[in-house]
């Protein structure tokens, strides 16, 4: 169910790794890699994003993100290295909400994922987690797939003005309005087709002159810790020296990871950053950057 994660402690009764006593574990502990991006398992509204304080129902969890789903349940993502969303934001399933960390009461880097039956008071916290939480695996199974399905979009030059998504052809909308299935399509003055699953955000650019081009969404850009000044560029400007809007510092964090939103040209990727917003970044293989995901 939790594809890409290793379960290190399931939901239910266990021996507490810190106290050594028998205690009910109200969530499930999942491991990818330290500072790996964590994606939301559900859509909803962000109720809290930041350091959990004692007395709020979030004490001891370190950096956390709490998302309320459509049923009113509170999804808690705990011990994050840092949050990647803000309070009040409406997010979709599969959105990066933070990065795996070891903050708060932990013995090592992991994600503690917990689903509380209610979002208030105290974000649904009680002294009896067995009664106030859901088993995450059962809850997500009853509500559909827990992982965001990666979408592949194929554009065929032979069928000008049409987009093939998941083997189902739909008419392209040059004005960029939402299409069935939740994706957006734009036709630029240069004859390039822009496909994105996020309204108002540049997606992956495809040249119709090519016989066939496949764009894969939900990939992750990994920046190694070898650089302390990686240039990022404003959307719409060429990614060349002099146009940069700022610098990222992967070395400071032991490496950085970003969801790839689009790729306007070869080896150039569109990412969302905390300091500079939506930017492009040059990350050819020789730079040491890596692309993960299919």
C-alpha atoms as a PDB file:
ATOM      1  CA  UNK A   1       0.000   0.000   0.000  1.00  0.00           C
ATOM      2  CA  UNK A   2       2.765   2.455   0.950  1.00  0.00           C
ATOM      3  CA  UNK A   3       4.792   2.025  -2.205  1.00  0.00           C
ATOM      4  CA  UNK A   4       8.371   3.268  -1.902  1.00  0.00           C
ATOM      5  CA  UNK A   5       8.363   3.089   1.922  1.00  0.00           C
ATOM      6  CA  UNK A   6       9.667   0.514   4.380  1.00  0.00           C
ATOM      7  CA  UNK A   7       7.361  -0.073   7.359  1.00  0.00           C
ATOM      8  CA  UNK A   8       9.478  -0.004  10.533  1.00  0.00           C
ATOM      9  CA  UNK A   9       6.654  -0.014  13.077  1.00  0.00           C
ATOM     10  CA  UNK A  10       3.011  -0.877  12.267  1.00  0.00           C
ATOM     11  CA  UNK A  11      -0.174   0.460  13.821  1.00  0.00           C
ATOM     12  CA  UNK A  12      -1.105  -1.139  17.146  1.00  0.00           C
ATOM     13  CA  UNK A  13       0.409  -2.293  20.425  1.00  0.00           C
ATOM     14  CA  UNK A  14       4.192  -2.378  20.639  1.00  0.00           C
ATOM     15  CA  UNK A  15       7.180  -1.895  22.949  1.00  0.00           C
ATOM     16  CA  UNK A  16       7.963   1.828  23.040  1.00  0.00           C
ATOM     17  CA  UNK A  17      11.488   2.230  21.581  1.00  0.00           C
ATOM     18  CA  UNK A  18      12.317   5.032  24.040  1.00  0.00           C
ATOM     19  CA  UNK A  19      10.695   3.993  27.334  1.00  0.00           C
ATOM     20  CA  UNK A  20      10.740   0.233  26.783  1.00  0.00           C
ATOM     21  CA  UNK A  21       7.170  -0.060  28.047  1.00  0.00           C
ATOM     22  CA  UNK A  22       4.166  -1.531  26.251  1.00  0.00           C
ATOM     23  CA  UNK A  23       2.257   1.243  24.491  1.00  0.00           C
ATOM     24  CA  UNK A  24      -0.317   1.646  21.730  1.00  0.00           C
ATOM     25  CA  UNK A  25       1.203   3.079  18.554  1.00  0.00           C
ATOM     26  CA  UNK A  26      -1.464   5.329  17.024  1.00  0.00           C
ATOM     27  CA  UNK A  27       0.171   5.552  13.610  1.00  0.00           C
ATOM     28  CA  UNK A  28       2.532   3.761  11.272  1.00  0.00           C
ATOM     29  CA  UNK A  29       6.260   4.463  10.930  1.00  0.00           C
ATOM     30  CA  UNK A  30       7.504   4.649   7.344  1.00  0.00           C
ATOM     31  CA  UNK A  31      11.022   5.081   5.978  1.00  0.00           C
ATOM     32  CA  UNK A  32      12.281   6.223   2.580  1.00  0.00           C
ATOM     33  CA  UNK A  33      15.550   8.074   3.150  1.00  0.00           C
ATOM     34  CA  UNK A  34      16.561  11.002   5.312  1.00  0.00           C
ATOM     35  CA  UNK A  35      15.284  14.255   3.735  1.00  0.00           C
ATOM     36  CA  UNK A  36      13.382  12.331   1.036  1.00  0.00           C
ATOM     37  CA  UNK A  37      10.215  14.139  -0.115  1.00  0.00           C
ATOM     38  CA  UNK A  38       6.996  13.053   1.599  1.00  0.00           C
ATOM     39  CA  UNK A  39       3.819  13.100  -0.506  1.00  0.00           C
ATOM     40  CA  UNK A  40       0.316  13.542   0.857  1.00  0.00           C
ATOM     41  CA  UNK A  41      -1.716  10.338   0.996  1.00  0.00           C
ATOM     42  CA  UNK A  42      -4.955  12.280   0.680  1.00  0.00           C
ATOM     43  CA  UNK A  43      -6.387  15.598  -0.439  1.00  0.00           C
ATOM     44  CA  UNK A  44      -7.541  18.169   2.061  1.00  0.00           C
ATOM     45  CA  UNK A  45      -6.746  21.422   3.858  1.00  0.00           C
ATOM     46  CA  UNK A  46      -3.584  22.120   5.830  1.00  0.00           C
ATOM     47  CA  UNK A  47      -4.537  22.827   9.452  1.00  0.00           C
ATOM     48  CA  UNK A  48      -1.002  23.126  10.788  1.00  0.00           C
ATOM     49  CA  UNK A  49       2.547  23.183   9.414  1.00  0.00           C
ATOM     50  CA  UNK A  50       5.509  23.751  11.702  1.00  0.00           C
ATOM     51  CA  UNK A  51       6.987  22.756  15.048  1.00  0.00           C
ATOM     52  CA  UNK A  52       4.503  21.022  17.319  1.00  0.00           C
ATOM     53  CA  UNK A  53       4.301  22.515  20.808  1.00  0.00           C
ATOM     54  CA  UNK A  54       3.501  20.810  24.095  1.00  0.00           C
ATOM     55  CA  UNK A  55      -0.162  21.043  25.074  1.00  0.00           C
ATOM     56  CA  UNK A  56      -1.465  21.379  21.508  1.00  0.00           C
ATOM     57  CA  UNK A  57      -1.803  17.688  20.707  1.00  0.00           C
ATOM     58  CA  UNK A  58       1.348  17.900  18.607  1.00  0.00           C
ATOM     59  CA  UNK A  59       4.031  18.004  21.302  1.00  0.00           C
ATOM     60  CA  UNK A  60       6.925  15.568  20.843  1.00  0.00           C
ATOM     61  CA  UNK A  61       6.245  15.121  17.137  1.00  0.00           C
ATOM     62  CA  UNK A  62       8.861  17.650  16.000  1.00  0.00           C
ATOM     63  CA  UNK A  63       8.066  19.342  12.702  1.00  0.00           C
ATOM     64  CA  UNK A  64       4.606  18.268  11.616  1.00  0.00           C
ATOM     65  CA  UNK A  65       1.965  18.811   8.957  1.00  0.00           C
ATOM     66  CA  UNK A  66      -1.700  18.182   9.770  1.00  0.00           C
ATOM     67  CA  UNK A  67      -4.202  17.824   6.924  1.00  0.00           C
ATOM     68  CA  UNK A  68      -7.967  17.573   7.375  1.00  0.00           C
ATOM     69  CA  UNK A  69      -9.659  15.397   4.763  1.00  0.00           C
ATOM     70  CA  UNK A  70     -13.210  15.623   3.443  1.00  0.00           C
ATOM     71  CA  UNK A  71     -14.499  13.348   6.226  1.00  0.00           C
ATOM     72  CA  UNK A  72     -13.060  15.579   8.951  1.00  0.00           C
ATOM     73  CA  UNK A  73     -10.232  13.238   9.936  1.00  0.00           C
ATOM     74  CA  UNK A  74      -6.817  14.700  10.750  1.00  0.00           C
ATOM     75  CA  UNK A  75      -3.831  13.218   8.895  1.00  0.00           C
ATOM     76  CA  UNK A  76      -0.642  13.796  10.898  1.00  0.00           C
ATOM     77  CA  UNK A  77       2.786  13.695   9.211  1.00  0.00           C
ATOM     78  CA  UNK A  78       5.368  13.847  12.009  1.00  0.00           C
ATOM     79  CA  UNK A  79       9.119  14.150  12.662  1.00  0.00           C
ATOM     80  CA  UNK A  80       9.674  15.965   9.353  1.00  0.00           C
ATOM     81  CA  UNK A  81      12.972  17.628   8.546  1.00  0.00           C
ATOM     82  CA  UNK A  82      10.848  20.557   7.438  1.00  0.00           C
ATOM     83  CA  UNK A  83       7.378  21.305   6.105  1.00  0.00           C
ATOM     84  CA  UNK A  84       6.810  22.234   2.454  1.00  0.00           C
ATOM     85  CA  UNK A  85       3.259  23.604   2.761  1.00  0.00           C
ATOM     86  CA  UNK A  86       1.584  26.388   4.707  1.00  0.00           C
ATOM     87  CA  UNK A  87      -1.484  26.533   6.956  1.00  0.00           C
ATOM     88  CA  UNK A  88      -4.684  27.146   5.006  1.00  0.00           C
ATOM     89  CA  UNK A  89      -3.465  25.664   1.748  1.00  0.00           C
ATOM     90  CA  UNK A  90      -5.759  23.276  -0.098  1.00  0.00           C
ATOM     91  CA  UNK A  91      -3.734  20.367  -1.458  1.00  0.00           C
ATOM     92  CA  UNK A  92      -4.275  17.361  -3.681  1.00  0.00           C
ATOM     93  CA  UNK A  93      -3.210  13.794  -3.047  1.00  0.00           C
ATOM     94  CA  UNK A  94       0.413  13.383  -4.107  1.00  0.00           C
ATOM     95  CA  UNK A  95       1.512  16.927  -3.155  1.00  0.00           C
ATOM     96  CA  UNK A  96       4.904  17.214  -1.433  1.00  0.00           C
ATOM     97  CA  UNK A  97       4.077  18.248   2.144  1.00  0.00           C
ATOM     98  CA  UNK A  98       7.546  17.960   3.671  1.00  0.00           C
ATOM     99  CA  UNK A  99      10.751  15.935   3.928  1.00  0.00           C
ATOM    100  CA  UNK A 100      11.589  12.919   6.051  1.00  0.00           C
ATOM    101  CA  UNK A 101      13.432  13.859   9.217  1.00  0.00           C
ATOM    102  CA  UNK A 102      14.288  13.048  12.815  1.00  0.00           C
ATOM    103  CA  UNK A 103      12.791  15.963  14.745  1.00  0.00           C
ATOM    104  CA  UNK A 104      10.963  15.553  18.035  1.00  0.00           C
ATOM    105  CA  UNK A 105      10.846  12.394  20.141  1.00  0.00           C
ATOM    106  CA  UNK A 106      12.549   9.866  17.857  1.00  0.00           C
ATOM    107  CA  UNK A 107      15.364   7.343  17.692  1.00  0.00           C
ATOM    108  CA  UNK A 108      16.048   7.887  13.986  1.00  0.00           C
ATOM    109  CA  UNK A 109      14.865   9.441  10.730  1.00  0.00           C
ATOM    110  CA  UNK A 110      11.382   8.299   9.681  1.00  0.00           C
ATOM    111  CA  UNK A 111       7.832   9.433   8.955  1.00  0.00           C
ATOM    112  CA  UNK A 112       5.204   8.843  11.638  1.00  0.00           C
ATOM    113  CA  UNK A 113       1.881   8.887   9.780  1.00  0.00           C
ATOM    114  CA  UNK A 114      -1.232   8.986  11.932  1.00  0.00           C
ATOM    115  CA  UNK A 115      -4.935   9.424  11.157  1.00  0.00           C
ATOM    116  CA  UNK A 116      -6.982  10.892  13.990  1.00  0.00           C
ATOM    117  CA  UNK A 117     -10.757  10.517  13.892  1.00  0.00           C
ATOM    118  CA  UNK A 118     -11.363  14.224  14.402  1.00  0.00           C
ATOM    119  CA  UNK A 119      -9.421  17.403  13.772  1.00  0.00           C
ATOM    120  CA  UNK A 120     -10.471  19.190  16.981  1.00  0.00           C
ATOM    121  CA  UNK A 121      -9.885  19.899  19.745  1.00  0.00           C
ATOM    122  CA  UNK A 122      -6.089  19.553  19.989  1.00  0.00           C
ATOM    123  CA  UNK A 123      -5.980  18.195  16.431  1.00  0.00           C
ATOM    124  CA  UNK A 124      -7.825  15.076  17.617  1.00  0.00           C
ATOM    125  CA  UNK A 125      -5.317  14.055  20.287  1.00  0.00           C
ATOM    126  CA  UNK A 126      -6.546  12.032  23.286  1.00  0.00           C
ATOM    127  CA  UNK A 127      -4.920   9.919  25.979  1.00  0.00           C
ATOM    128  CA  UNK A 128      -6.382   6.828  24.309  1.00  0.00           C
ATOM    129  CA  UNK A 129      -4.971   6.598  20.759  1.00  0.00           C
ATOM    130  CA  UNK A 130      -6.488   3.139  20.296  1.00  0.00           C
ATOM    131  CA  UNK A 131      -9.940   4.736  20.404  1.00  0.00           C
ATOM    132  CA  UNK A 132      -9.139   8.087  18.750  1.00  0.00           C
ATOM    133  CA  UNK A 133      -7.160   6.953  15.677  1.00  0.00           C
ATOM    134  CA  UNK A 134      -7.739   4.859  12.583  1.00  0.00           C
ATOM    135  CA  UNK A 135      -5.469   2.156  11.199  1.00  0.00           C
ATOM    136  CA  UNK A 136      -3.924   4.110   8.258  1.00  0.00           C
ATOM    137  CA  UNK A 137      -3.767   1.078   5.955  1.00  0.00           C
ATOM    138  CA  UNK A 138      -7.429   0.184   6.457  1.00  0.00           C
ATOM    139  CA  UNK A 139      -8.575   3.795   6.274  1.00  0.00           C
ATOM    140  CA  UNK A 140      -6.773   4.517   3.014  1.00  0.00           C
ATOM    141  CA  UNK A 141      -7.883   1.210   1.492  1.00  0.00           C
ATOM    142  CA  UNK A 142     -11.500   2.107   2.153  1.00  0.00           C
ATOM    143  CA  UNK A 143     -11.012   5.470   0.474  1.00  0.00           C
ATOM    144  CA  UNK A 144      -9.156   4.311  -2.618  1.00  0.00           C
ATOM    145  CA  UNK A 145      -5.481   4.177  -3.498  1.00  0.00           C
ATOM    146  CA  UNK A 146      -3.067   5.682  -1.011  1.00  0.00           C
ATOM    147  CA  UNK A 147      -0.437   6.705  -3.527  1.00  0.00           C
ATOM    148  CA  UNK A 148      -0.773   9.324  -6.200  1.00  0.00           C
ATOM    149  CA  UNK A 149      -0.857   7.605  -9.583  1.00  0.00           C
ATOM    150  CA  UNK A 150       1.837   8.818 -11.922  1.00  0.00           C
ATOM    151  CA  UNK A 151       0.376  10.078 -15.172  1.00  0.00           C
ATOM    152  CA  UNK A 152       1.928   9.750 -18.611  1.00  0.00           C
ATOM    153  CA  UNK A 153       0.896  12.148 -21.372  1.00  0.00           C
ATOM    154  CA  UNK A 154       1.610  11.355 -25.015  1.00  0.00           C
ATOM    155  CA  UNK A 155       1.309  13.943 -27.781  1.00  0.00           C
ATOM    156  CA  UNK A 156       1.039  12.711 -31.347  1.00  0.00           C
ATOM    157  CA  UNK A 157       2.026  15.154 -34.113  1.00  0.00           C
ATOM    158  CA  UNK A 158      -0.180  13.211 -36.502  1.00  0.00           C
ATOM    159  CA  UNK A 159      -3.243  14.238 -34.491  1.00  0.00           C
ATOM    160  CA  UNK A 160      -2.724  17.981 -34.214  1.00  0.00           C
ATOM    161  CA  UNK A 161      -4.748  19.570 -31.429  1.00  0.00           C
ATOM    162  CA  UNK A 162      -5.393  16.331 -29.566  1.00  0.00           C
ATOM    163  CA  UNK A 163      -3.844  14.956 -26.389  1.00  0.00           C
ATOM    164  CA  UNK A 164      -3.616  11.289 -25.485  1.00  0.00           C
ATOM    165  CA  UNK A 165      -3.747  10.779 -21.709  1.00  0.00           C
ATOM    166  CA  UNK A 166      -3.783   7.284 -20.231  1.00  0.00           C
ATOM    167  CA  UNK A 167      -4.643   5.889 -23.673  1.00  0.00           C
ATOM    168  CA  UNK A 168      -7.795   8.002 -23.943  1.00  0.00           C
ATOM    169  CA  UNK A 169      -7.834  10.773 -26.566  1.00  0.00           C
ATOM    170  CA  UNK A 170      -9.401  14.082 -25.566  1.00  0.00           C
ATOM    171  CA  UNK A 171      -9.607  17.340 -27.465  1.00  0.00           C
ATOM    172  CA  UNK A 172      -6.996  19.915 -26.509  1.00  0.00           C
ATOM    173  CA  UNK A 173      -8.148  23.292 -25.230  1.00  0.00           C
ATOM    174  CA  UNK A 174      -5.846  26.086 -26.541  1.00  0.00           C
ATOM    175  CA  UNK A 175      -7.184  28.495 -23.883  1.00  0.00           C
ATOM    176  CA  UNK A 176      -5.853  26.392 -21.059  1.00  0.00           C
ATOM    177  CA  UNK A 177      -9.139  25.503 -19.370  1.00  0.00           C
ATOM    178  CA  UNK A 178      -9.325  22.378 -17.281  1.00  0.00           C
ATOM    179  CA  UNK A 179      -9.931  19.154 -19.185  1.00  0.00           C
ATOM    180  CA  UNK A 180     -11.694  15.975 -18.011  1.00  0.00           C
ATOM    181  CA  UNK A 181      -9.300  14.106 -15.748  1.00  0.00           C
ATOM    182  CA  UNK A 182      -7.951  17.260 -14.100  1.00  0.00           C
ATOM    183  CA  UNK A 183      -5.181  18.282 -16.467  1.00  0.00           C
ATOM    184  CA  UNK A 184      -4.584  21.535 -18.320  1.00  0.00           C
ATOM    185  CA  UNK A 185      -3.334  22.033 -21.869  1.00  0.00           C
ATOM    186  CA  UNK A 186      -1.922  25.211 -23.380  1.00  0.00           C
ATOM    187  CA  UNK A 187      -0.830  26.052 -26.932  1.00  0.00           C
ATOM    188  CA  UNK A 188       1.872  28.714 -27.087  1.00  0.00           C
ATOM    189  CA  UNK A 189       2.658  31.164 -29.871  1.00  0.00           C
ATOM    190  CA  UNK A 190       5.731  29.062 -30.658  1.00  0.00           C
ATOM    191  CA  UNK A 191       3.550  26.043 -31.356  1.00  0.00           C
ATOM    192  CA  UNK A 192       4.656  24.247 -28.183  1.00  0.00           C
ATOM    193  CA  UNK A 193       2.148  22.260 -26.157  1.00  0.00           C
ATOM    194  CA  UNK A 194       2.231  22.700 -22.383  1.00  0.00           C
ATOM    195  CA  UNK A 195       0.732  19.894 -20.285  1.00  0.00           C
ATOM    196  CA  UNK A 196       0.306  20.312 -16.538  1.00  0.00           C
ATOM    197  CA  UNK A 197      -1.831  18.837 -13.764  1.00  0.00           C
ATOM    198  CA  UNK A 198      -1.661  22.076 -11.759  1.00  0.00           C
ATOM    199  CA  UNK A 199      -3.685  25.126 -12.739  1.00  0.00           C
ATOM    200  CA  UNK A 200      -1.620  28.222 -13.436  1.00  0.00           C
ATOM    201  CA  UNK A 201       1.740  26.415 -13.134  1.00  0.00           C
ATOM    202  CA  UNK A 202       3.974  25.720 -16.161  1.00  0.00           C
ATOM    203  CA  UNK A 203       4.022  22.040 -16.931  1.00  0.00           C
ATOM    204  CA  UNK A 204       5.990  19.919 -19.386  1.00  0.00           C
ATOM    205  CA  UNK A 205       6.577  21.404 -22.802  1.00  0.00           C
ATOM    206  CA  UNK A 206       6.230  19.189 -25.859  1.00  0.00           C
ATOM    207  CA  UNK A 207       7.229  19.918 -29.445  1.00  0.00           C
ATOM    208  CA  UNK A 208       4.494  18.710 -31.859  1.00  0.00           C
ATOM    209  CA  UNK A 209       7.087  18.548 -34.633  1.00  0.00           C
ATOM    210  CA  UNK A 210       8.497  15.425 -33.010  1.00  0.00           C
ATOM    211  CA  UNK A 211       6.851  12.157 -33.991  1.00  0.00           C
ATOM    212  CA  UNK A 212       6.032  11.304 -30.371  1.00  0.00           C
ATOM    213  CA  UNK A 213       7.108  12.662 -27.013  1.00  0.00           C
ATOM    214  CA  UNK A 214       6.238  11.271 -23.584  1.00  0.00           C
ATOM    215  CA  UNK A 215       6.184  13.430 -20.466  1.00  0.00           C
ATOM    216  CA  UNK A 216       6.236  11.723 -17.065  1.00  0.00           C
ATOM    217  CA  UNK A 217       4.910  13.562 -14.031  1.00  0.00           C
ATOM    218  CA  UNK A 218       5.775  13.187 -10.321  1.00  0.00           C
ATOM    219  CA  UNK A 219       9.519  12.884 -10.741  1.00  0.00           C
ATOM    220  CA  UNK A 220      11.921  14.206  -8.108  1.00  0.00           C
ATOM    221  CA  UNK A 221      15.047  16.290  -8.663  1.00  0.00           C
ATOM    222  CA  UNK A 222      17.857  15.459  -6.220  1.00  0.00           C
ATOM    223  CA  UNK A 223      20.587  18.079  -5.757  1.00  0.00           C
ATOM    224  CA  UNK A 224      23.780  16.676  -4.167  1.00  0.00           C
ATOM    225  CA  UNK A 225      25.578  18.252  -1.231  1.00  0.00           C
ATOM    226  CA  UNK A 226      28.604  19.187  -3.340  1.00  0.00           C
ATOM    227  CA  UNK A 227      27.363  22.699  -4.153  1.00  0.00           C
ATOM    228  CA  UNK A 228      26.597  25.668  -1.914  1.00  0.00           C
ATOM    229  CA  UNK A 229      25.350  28.006  -4.669  1.00  0.00           C
ATOM    230  CA  UNK A 230      23.075  26.365  -7.232  1.00  0.00           C
ATOM    231  CA  UNK A 231      21.469  28.967  -9.515  1.00  0.00           C
ATOM    232  CA  UNK A 232      17.704  29.175 -10.040  1.00  0.00           C
ATOM    233  CA  UNK A 233      15.997  31.284 -12.710  1.00  0.00           C
ATOM    234  CA  UNK A 234      12.652  33.073 -13.077  1.00  0.00           C
ATOM    235  CA  UNK A 235       9.995  31.416 -15.238  1.00  0.00           C
ATOM    236  CA  UNK A 236      10.097  32.879 -18.743  1.00  0.00           C
ATOM    237  CA  UNK A 237      13.800  33.816 -18.759  1.00  0.00           C
ATOM    238  CA  UNK A 238      16.640  31.821 -20.256  1.00  0.00           C
ATOM    239  CA  UNK A 239      18.569  29.842 -17.607  1.00  0.00           C
ATOM    240  CA  UNK A 240      21.890  31.621 -18.207  1.00  0.00           C
ATOM    241  CA  UNK A 241      24.280  33.514 -15.959  1.00  0.00           C
ATOM    242  CA  UNK A 242      22.935  36.962 -15.225  1.00  0.00           C
ATOM    243  CA  UNK A 243      19.267  35.899 -15.226  1.00  0.00           C
ATOM    244  CA  UNK A 244      19.336  34.037 -11.910  1.00  0.00           C
ATOM    245  CA  UNK A 245      16.814  34.984  -9.241  1.00  0.00           C
ATOM    246  CA  UNK A 246      18.798  33.409  -6.425  1.00  0.00           C
ATOM    247  CA  UNK A 247      20.869  30.478  -5.223  1.00  0.00           C
ATOM    248  CA  UNK A 248      20.032  27.207  -3.468  1.00  0.00           C
ATOM    249  CA  UNK A 249      22.434  25.737  -0.926  1.00  0.00           C
ATOM    250  CA  UNK A 250      22.249  21.910  -1.078  1.00  0.00           C
ATOM    251  CA  UNK A 251      25.471  21.632   0.951  1.00  0.00           C
ATOM    252  CA  UNK A 252      23.830  23.259   3.965  1.00  0.00           C
ATOM    253  CA  UNK A 253      21.145  20.556   4.121  1.00  0.00           C
ATOM    254  CA  UNK A 254      23.206  17.577   2.982  1.00  0.00           C
ATOM    255  CA  UNK A 255      21.396  17.632  -0.357  1.00  0.00           C
ATOM    256  CA  UNK A 256      17.970  18.867  -1.475  1.00  0.00           C
ATOM    257  CA  UNK A 257      14.977  17.242  -3.193  1.00  0.00           C
ATOM    258  CA  UNK A 258      12.239  18.919  -5.238  1.00  0.00           C
ATOM    259  CA  UNK A 259       9.171  17.706  -7.096  1.00  0.00           C
ATOM    260  CA  UNK A 260       9.605  18.319 -10.843  1.00  0.00           C
ATOM    261  CA  UNK A 261       6.632  20.334 -12.034  1.00  0.00           C
ATOM    262  CA  UNK A 262       7.778  20.700 -15.642  1.00  0.00           C
ATOM    263  CA  UNK A 263      10.716  20.717 -18.048  1.00  0.00           C
ATOM    264  CA  UNK A 264      10.710  23.690 -20.456  1.00  0.00           C
ATOM    265  CA  UNK A 265      13.831  22.426 -22.248  1.00  0.00           C
ATOM    266  CA  UNK A 266      16.450  19.700 -22.049  1.00  0.00           C
ATOM    267  CA  UNK A 267      18.098  19.502 -18.603  1.00  0.00           C
ATOM    268  CA  UNK A 268      16.043  22.458 -17.320  1.00  0.00           C
ATOM    269  CA  UNK A 269      13.364  21.724 -14.717  1.00  0.00           C
ATOM    270  CA  UNK A 270      10.590  23.742 -13.101  1.00  0.00           C
ATOM    271  CA  UNK A 271      10.463  23.392  -9.299  1.00  0.00           C
ATOM    272  CA  UNK A 272       8.697  25.068  -6.367  1.00  0.00           C
ATOM    273  CA  UNK A 273      11.096  26.467  -3.747  1.00  0.00           C
ATOM    274  CA  UNK A 274      10.435  27.929  -0.314  1.00  0.00           C
ATOM    275  CA  UNK A 275      12.670  30.987  -0.802  1.00  0.00           C
ATOM    276  CA  UNK A 276      12.198  31.879  -4.479  1.00  0.00           C
ATOM    277  CA  UNK A 277       8.813  30.409  -5.366  1.00  0.00           C
ATOM    278  CA  UNK A 278       8.337  28.796  -8.780  1.00  0.00           C
ATOM    279  CA  UNK A 279      11.640  28.763 -10.679  1.00  0.00           C
ATOM    280  CA  UNK A 280      13.597  26.928 -13.340  1.00  0.00           C
ATOM    281  CA  UNK A 281      16.869  25.177 -12.595  1.00  0.00           C
ATOM    282  CA  UNK A 282      19.594  23.784 -14.854  1.00  0.00           C
ATOM    283  CA  UNK A 283      20.448  20.244 -13.749  1.00  0.00           C
ATOM    284  CA  UNK A 284      22.231  18.314 -16.481  1.00  0.00           C
ATOM    285  CA  UNK A 285      23.736  14.930 -15.483  1.00  0.00           C
ATOM    286  CA  UNK A 286      27.278  16.346 -15.374  1.00  0.00           C
ATOM    287  CA  UNK A 287      26.241  18.722 -12.572  1.00  0.00           C
ATOM    288  CA  UNK A 288      25.711  15.792 -10.224  1.00  0.00           C
ATOM    289  CA  UNK A 289      21.944  16.229 -10.065  1.00  0.00           C
ATOM    290  CA  UNK A 290      19.781  13.113 -10.323  1.00  0.00           C
ATOM    291  CA  UNK A 291      16.198  12.438 -11.407  1.00  0.00           C
ATOM    292  CA  UNK A 292      14.186   9.859  -9.477  1.00  0.00           C
ATOM    293  CA  UNK A 293      10.835   8.386 -10.429  1.00  0.00           C
ATOM    294  CA  UNK A 294       9.339   7.101 -13.646  1.00  0.00           C
END
